[in-house]
Amino acid sequence: MDPVTQTELEAAAFRRLVAHLQERTDVQNIDLMNLAGFCRNCLSKWYRAAADERGVHVTDPEARAHIYGMPYEEWKTKHQT
């Protein structure tokens, strides 16, 4: 597989994971952390780190909003138990 195709497939899988987590608001971050060893906040930090590596400025709130599909405080109010 060529590197461009690999990157496209990895990006598609990441987008699907993010969409899945945005749909599954019943799954709490603590549950993800306990079972998988990562959570939505981890994904947002990895997203921001990848941006930093490429010289793209992304703030923590922007990264979280990208992963959560809305501002983090709004998600917490709506979905955190």
Protein backbone atom coordinates (compact mmCIF):
# COMPACT_ATOMS: atom_id res chain seq x y z
CA MET A 1 0.00 0.00 0.00
CA ASP A 2 1.34 3.42 -0.85
CA PRO A 3 1.81 5.97 1.96
CA VAL A 4 -0.88 8.37 0.69
CA THR A 5 -3.51 5.62 0.63
CA GLN A 6 -2.44 4.46 4.09
CA THR A 7 -2.78 8.00 5.46
CA GLU A 8 -6.21 8.37 3.82
CA LEU A 9 -7.41 5.10 5.34
CA GLU A 10 -6.06 6.00 8.77
CA ALA A 11 -7.73 9.42 8.57
CA ALA A 12 -11.03 7.81 7.57
CA ALA A 13 -10.82 5.37 10.48
CA PHE A 14 -10.08 8.26 12.87
CA ARG A 15 -13.06 10.24 11.56
CA ARG A 16 -15.27 7.18 12.00
CA LEU A 17 -14.04 6.69 15.58
CA VAL A 18 -14.71 10.35 16.41
CA ALA A 19 -18.20 10.17 14.86
CA HIS A 20 -18.92 6.98 16.79
CA LEU A 21 -17.87 8.58 20.09
CA GLN A 22 -19.97 11.66 19.31
CA GLU A 23 -22.99 9.41 18.75
CA ARG A 24 -22.37 7.28 21.85
CA THR A 25 -22.86 10.00 24.44
CA ASP A 26 -24.02 7.31 26.86
CA VAL A 27 -20.43 6.08 27.10
CA GLN A 28 -18.65 8.16 29.72
CA ASN A 29 -14.97 9.03 29.51
CA ILE A 30 -14.26 7.15 32.74
CA ASP A 31 -15.72 4.01 31.15
CA LEU A 32 -13.51 4.45 28.10
CA MET A 33 -10.47 5.04 30.29
CA ASN A 34 -11.14 1.98 32.42
CA LEU A 35 -11.78 -0.33 29.48
CA ALA A 36 -9.60 1.05 26.69
CA GLY A 37 -6.96 3.15 28.41
CA PHE A 38 -7.92 6.32 26.52
CA CYS A 39 -10.88 8.68 26.33
CA ARG A 40 -12.20 11.60 24.32
CA ASN A 41 -9.87 13.96 26.17
CA CYS A 42 -6.89 11.79 25.19
CA LEU A 43 -7.99 11.95 21.55
CA SER A 44 -8.26 15.73 21.73
CA LYS A 45 -4.75 15.95 23.20
CA TRP A 46 -3.38 13.67 20.45
CA TYR A 47 -5.16 15.81 17.85
CA ARG A 48 -3.63 19.00 19.25
CA ALA A 49 -0.18 17.37 19.45
CA ALA A 50 -0.41 16.32 15.80
CA ALA A 51 -1.33 19.89 14.87
CA ASP A 52 1.61 21.23 16.90
CA GLU A 53 3.98 18.83 15.12
CA ARG A 54 2.85 20.36 11.82
CA GLY A 55 3.09 23.95 13.02
CA VAL A 56 -0.69 24.38 13.15
CA HIS A 57 -2.00 26.24 16.21
CA VAL A 58 -4.97 24.47 17.80
CA THR A 59 -6.05 25.34 21.33
CA ASP A 60 -7.21 22.75 23.85
CA PRO A 61 -10.82 24.01 23.64
CA GLU A 62 -10.71 23.84 19.82
CA ALA A 63 -9.33 20.30 19.89
CA ARG A 64 -11.93 19.18 22.41
CA ALA A 65 -14.74 20.74 20.36
CA HIS A 66 -13.48 18.84 17.32
CA ILE A 67 -13.57 15.53 19.18
CA TYR A 68 -16.76 16.14 21.17
CA GLY A 69 -18.66 17.77 18.30
CA MET A 70 -19.44 20.77 20.51
CA PRO A 71 -17.73 22.83 23.20
CA TYR A 72 -16.58 20.59 26.04
CA GLU A 73 -18.58 22.43 28.72
CA GLU A 74 -21.74 22.00 26.65
CA TRP A 75 -21.06 18.27 26.24
CA LYS A 76 -20.51 17.89 29.99
CA THR A 77 -23.78 19.68 30.74
CA LYS A 78 -25.73 17.55 28.27
CA HIS A 79 -24.14 14.14 28.68
CA GLN A 80 -21.92 13.72 31.73
CA THR A 81 -23.52 11.70 34.49
